[in-house]
């Protein structure tokens, strides 16, 4: 269960990502600078249960995100699944959508549960790759207009509700309007909200990635979690664009 939006102007883009998870999951480790096997620096948080990540941005300004494909999960379950969170890390060294596409299309996917991968590069182009199961073709396409949102609970109704709220936004005040969209929780309708809450699940973090010609930054705000006595403040990590040594 996640929601992604993005905005681009001139030579920069901003991407927001709400991560929704079960309350029983461990808190994630906030974003840190990591290095891909090919020596490319990237920023990513780390899943507290399985390692891996759901969102990263590298020094080339390429952002990669992962969402669960709940609609396909009912039809395909690998016998010994590999954590989907390993996929963004395996792709972290890619420096363009074309390179990422080549890499993911040669990846063996049958041991992963179904997923969506989204990626946006500094040009503002955003693509989506969808894995639906071993017997289904791997789909690649230009991503639709934001938001991209998934939910394991009343999927279509939740998706329609969040899209309708997005369409009502004022485009003249982006990206601040997007930030408010991701942080808003509707009184009396928390399960459908972008910042959602249900007895078993909730939005566990809100991420903001900013990419400019000189810098890629990741701002990470965890949400209250049952295993935390105090809520940590936001974590902000940045990399100089094109600089393998980071900042």
Protein backbone atom coordinates (compact mmCIF):
# COMPACT_ATOMS: atom_id res chain seq x y z
CA UNK A 1 0.00 0.00 0.00
CA UNK A 2 1.73 3.14 -1.22
CA UNK A 3 1.11 6.43 -3.00
CA UNK A 4 3.55 8.23 -5.32
CA UNK A 5 3.27 11.69 -6.88
CA UNK A 6 5.79 13.87 -8.69
CA UNK A 7 6.23 17.34 -10.13
CA UNK A 8 8.75 18.78 -12.56
CA UNK A 9 9.69 22.34 -13.46
CA UNK A 10 12.49 23.38 -15.77
CA UNK A 11 15.62 21.61 -14.51
CA UNK A 12 14.35 20.01 -11.30
CA UNK A 13 11.83 17.46 -10.10
CA UNK A 14 10.26 16.53 -6.77
CA UNK A 15 8.82 13.12 -5.90
CA UNK A 16 6.76 12.15 -2.84
CA UNK A 17 6.23 8.58 -1.63
CA UNK A 18 4.00 7.42 1.23
CA UNK A 19 4.90 3.95 2.43
CA UNK A 20 2.02 2.02 4.03
CA UNK A 21 2.76 -1.14 6.01
CA UNK A 22 1.40 -3.49 8.65
CA UNK A 23 1.70 -2.25 12.22
CA UNK A 24 3.59 -5.46 13.07
CA UNK A 25 6.53 -4.51 10.83
CA UNK A 26 9.70 -3.17 12.40
CA UNK A 27 10.56 0.51 11.83
CA UNK A 28 12.85 1.16 8.88
CA UNK A 29 16.40 2.50 9.18
CA UNK A 30 16.38 6.12 7.94
CA UNK A 31 18.11 6.98 4.64
CA UNK A 32 21.86 6.68 4.38
CA UNK A 33 24.36 6.96 1.55
CA UNK A 34 25.19 3.53 0.08
CA UNK A 35 27.35 2.40 -2.82
CA UNK A 36 26.17 0.07 -5.60
CA UNK A 37 28.43 -2.80 -6.75
CA UNK A 38 29.45 -0.61 -9.70
CA UNK A 39 30.54 2.21 -7.40
CA UNK A 40 27.50 4.49 -7.85
CA UNK A 41 26.47 6.38 -4.70
CA UNK A 42 22.78 6.37 -3.79
CA UNK A 43 20.54 7.33 -0.87
CA UNK A 44 18.02 4.85 0.53
CA UNK A 45 16.27 3.85 3.75
CA UNK A 46 16.44 0.18 4.76
CA UNK A 47 13.50 -2.08 5.58
CA UNK A 48 13.63 -3.15 9.23
CA UNK A 49 12.43 -6.72 8.65
CA UNK A 50 14.02 -7.91 5.42
CA UNK A 51 16.65 -5.34 4.46
CA UNK A 52 16.30 -3.92 0.99
CA UNK A 53 14.43 -0.72 0.24
CA UNK A 54 11.32 0.66 -1.46
CA UNK A 55 12.76 3.99 -2.65
CA UNK A 56 16.17 5.40 -3.59
CA UNK A 57 17.83 8.18 -5.53
CA UNK A 58 21.35 7.96 -6.94
CA UNK A 59 24.02 10.52 -7.82
CA UNK A 60 22.82 10.60 -11.43
CA UNK A 61 19.46 11.93 -10.25
CA UNK A 62 17.61 8.69 -11.06
CA UNK A 63 14.90 7.80 -8.53
CA UNK A 64 13.65 4.21 -8.28
CA UNK A 65 10.56 3.16 -6.32
CA UNK A 66 8.84 -0.16 -5.60
CA UNK A 67 5.13 -0.81 -5.02
CA UNK A 68 3.39 -4.11 -4.39
CA UNK A 69 1.11 -5.41 -7.15
CA UNK A 70 -1.76 -6.61 -4.98
CA UNK A 71 -4.12 -7.41 -7.85
CA UNK A 72 -1.67 -9.99 -9.22
CA UNK A 73 -0.69 -11.48 -5.85
CA UNK A 74 -3.95 -13.43 -5.66
CA UNK A 75 -2.91 -15.31 -8.82
CA UNK A 76 0.83 -15.77 -8.32
CA UNK A 77 2.87 -16.72 -5.26
CA UNK A 78 6.40 -18.11 -5.76
CA UNK A 79 7.20 -21.11 -3.52
CA UNK A 80 10.30 -19.47 -2.00
CA UNK A 81 9.94 -15.72 -2.62
CA UNK A 82 12.85 -13.31 -2.56
CA UNK A 83 12.18 -9.97 -0.89
CA UNK A 84 11.06 -7.42 -3.47
CA UNK A 85 13.09 -4.81 -1.60
CA UNK A 86 16.26 -6.25 -3.11
CA UNK A 87 15.18 -5.09 -6.59
CA UNK A 88 15.74 -1.33 -6.22
CA UNK A 89 19.16 -2.02 -4.71
CA UNK A 90 20.06 -4.29 -7.64
CA UNK A 91 19.10 -1.43 -9.99
CA UNK A 92 20.73 1.39 -7.98
CA UNK A 93 23.78 1.59 -10.24
CA UNK A 94 21.70 2.45 -13.33
CA UNK A 95 22.17 6.01 -14.53
CA UNK A 96 19.23 6.38 -16.94
CA UNK A 97 15.82 4.90 -17.70
CA UNK A 98 17.28 3.15 -20.74
CA UNK A 99 19.98 1.49 -18.66
CA UNK A 100 17.46 0.50 -15.99
CA UNK A 101 15.15 -0.97 -18.63
CA UNK A 102 17.95 -3.09 -20.06
CA UNK A 103 18.89 -4.29 -16.59
CA UNK A 104 15.42 -5.17 -15.37
CA UNK A 105 14.50 -6.93 -18.59
CA UNK A 106 17.38 -9.37 -18.07
CA UNK A 107 16.51 -9.99 -14.39
CA UNK A 108 15.01 -13.35 -13.38
CA UNK A 109 11.70 -12.39 -11.79
CA UNK A 110 9.91 -15.68 -11.11
CA UNK A 111 11.04 -15.79 -7.47
CA UNK A 112 9.53 -12.35 -6.69
CA UNK A 113 5.96 -11.65 -5.68
CA UNK A 114 4.24 -9.32 -8.20
CA UNK A 115 5.35 -5.68 -8.12
CA UNK A 116 5.50 -2.32 -9.86
CA UNK A 117 8.82 -0.51 -10.35
CA UNK A 118 8.66 3.20 -11.12
CA UNK A 119 11.66 5.33 -12.07
CA UNK A 120 12.12 9.00 -12.95
CA UNK A 121 15.22 10.65 -14.40
CA UNK A 122 16.28 14.33 -14.37
CA UNK A 123 14.58 14.96 -17.71
CA UNK A 124 11.28 14.36 -15.93
CA UNK A 125 10.47 11.16 -17.83
CA UNK A 126 8.93 8.52 -15.59
CA UNK A 127 8.46 4.88 -16.57
CA UNK A 128 6.65 2.00 -14.89
CA UNK A 129 7.49 -1.70 -15.08
CA UNK A 130 4.93 -4.27 -13.88
CA UNK A 131 5.53 -7.91 -12.94
CA UNK A 132 2.31 -9.93 -12.63
CA UNK A 133 3.60 -13.50 -12.36
CA UNK A 134 5.57 -16.18 -14.12
CA UNK A 135 2.98 -16.85 -16.82
CA UNK A 136 2.33 -13.17 -17.57
CA UNK A 137 4.46 -10.90 -19.79
CA UNK A 138 6.61 -8.24 -18.17
CA UNK A 139 5.02 -4.87 -18.91
CA UNK A 140 6.94 -1.63 -19.47
CA UNK A 141 5.30 1.71 -20.26
CA UNK A 142 5.47 5.44 -19.73
CA UNK A 143 3.92 6.00 -16.34
CA UNK A 144 0.40 7.48 -16.21
CA UNK A 145 -0.29 10.85 -14.65
CA UNK A 146 0.12 10.95 -10.88
CA UNK A 147 -0.82 9.64 -8.47
CA UNK A 148 0.28 6.01 -8.65
CA UNK A 149 -1.37 4.33 -5.67
CA UNK A 150 -1.94 0.77 -4.49
CA UNK A 151 -3.88 -0.71 -1.59
CA UNK A 152 -4.51 -4.22 -0.29
CA UNK A 153 -7.80 -2.96 1.19
CA UNK A 154 -10.73 -2.25 -1.16
CA UNK A 155 -8.16 -1.53 -3.86
CA UNK A 156 -10.28 0.10 -6.56
CA UNK A 157 -12.36 2.21 -4.19
CA UNK A 158 -9.27 3.47 -2.36
CA UNK A 159 -7.47 4.19 -5.63
CA UNK A 160 -10.43 6.11 -7.07
CA UNK A 161 -10.76 8.17 -3.89
CA UNK A 162 -7.10 9.18 -3.82
CA UNK A 163 -7.09 10.05 -7.53
CA UNK A 164 -10.18 12.22 -7.09
CA UNK A 165 -8.53 14.12 -4.24
CA UNK A 166 -5.42 14.62 -6.39
CA UNK A 167 -7.41 16.02 -9.30
CA UNK A 168 -8.88 18.64 -6.97
CA UNK A 169 -5.43 20.07 -6.14
CA UNK A 170 -4.31 23.51 -7.26
CA UNK A 171 -1.42 22.98 -9.72
CA UNK A 172 -0.23 26.57 -9.27
CA UNK A 173 1.18 25.90 -5.79
CA UNK A 174 3.21 22.77 -6.50
CA UNK A 175 5.18 21.15 -4.92
CA UNK A 176 3.87 22.40 -1.55
CA UNK A 177 0.38 21.24 -2.51
CA UNK A 178 1.72 17.75 -3.10
CA UNK A 179 3.33 17.69 0.33
CA UNK A 180 0.00 18.64 1.93
CA UNK A 181 -1.71 15.94 -0.14
CA UNK A 182 0.65 13.28 1.23
CA UNK A 183 0.36 14.49 4.83
CA UNK A 184 -3.42 14.91 4.99
CA UNK A 185 -5.56 12.39 6.85
CA UNK A 186 -9.28 12.77 6.39
CA UNK A 187 -11.29 12.74 9.62
CA UNK A 188 -13.65 9.79 9.58
CA UNK A 189 -12.08 8.29 6.45
CA UNK A 190 -8.57 7.37 7.50
CA UNK A 191 -8.51 4.04 5.63
CA UNK A 192 -8.94 5.79 2.26
CA UNK A 193 -6.61 8.69 3.04
CA UNK A 194 -3.22 9.07 1.37
CA UNK A 195 -1.77 9.24 4.88
CA UNK A 196 -3.79 6.20 5.87
CA UNK A 197 -4.52 4.40 9.13
CA UNK A 198 -6.37 1.14 9.81
CA UNK A 199 -6.32 -1.20 12.81
CA UNK A 200 -3.76 -3.44 11.09
CA UNK A 201 -1.84 -0.96 8.91
CA UNK A 202 -0.78 2.66 8.62
CA UNK A 203 1.42 5.07 6.68
CA UNK A 204 4.80 4.40 8.27
CA UNK A 205 6.78 7.10 6.45
CA UNK A 206 6.55 10.01 4.04
CA UNK A 207 9.52 10.53 1.70
CA UNK A 208 10.39 13.55 -0.42
CA UNK A 209 13.10 13.43 -3.07
CA UNK A 210 14.38 16.65 -4.69
CA UNK A 211 16.64 16.50 -7.73
CA UNK A 212 18.29 19.63 -9.17
CA UNK A 213 21.17 19.95 -11.65
CA UNK A 214 23.67 19.96 -8.77
CA UNK A 215 22.12 17.84 -6.02
CA UNK A 216 19.88 14.89 -5.17
CA UNK A 217 18.36 14.97 -1.68
CA UNK A 218 16.12 12.64 0.31
CA UNK A 219 13.94 13.91 3.18
CA UNK A 220 12.44 11.09 5.25
CA UNK A 221 9.74 11.54 7.89
CA UNK A 222 8.70 8.44 9.86
CA UNK A 223 5.17 8.28 11.20
CA UNK A 224 4.21 7.16 14.75
CA UNK A 225 4.76 3.43 15.21
CA UNK A 226 3.53 1.16 17.98
CA UNK A 227 7.07 -0.01 18.81
CA UNK A 228 8.46 3.53 19.21
CA UNK A 229 8.14 5.52 22.43
CA UNK A 230 9.09 8.75 20.63
CA UNK A 231 8.82 9.76 17.01
CA UNK A 232 12.18 10.67 15.46
CA UNK A 233 12.44 13.90 13.52
CA UNK A 234 13.00 14.02 9.76
CA UNK A 235 16.23 12.77 8.23
CA UNK A 236 17.69 14.68 5.27
CA UNK A 237 20.56 13.24 3.22
CA UNK A 238 22.04 14.72 0.03
CA UNK A 239 24.46 13.80 -2.75
CA UNK A 240 26.21 16.07 -5.21
CA UNK A 241 25.04 15.15 -8.70
CA UNK A 242 27.67 13.36 -10.73
CA UNK A 243 30.08 13.16 -7.78
CA UNK A 244 30.86 9.54 -6.91
CA UNK A 245 32.24 10.57 -3.52
CA UNK A 246 28.92 12.07 -2.34
CA UNK A 247 28.71 14.99 0.08
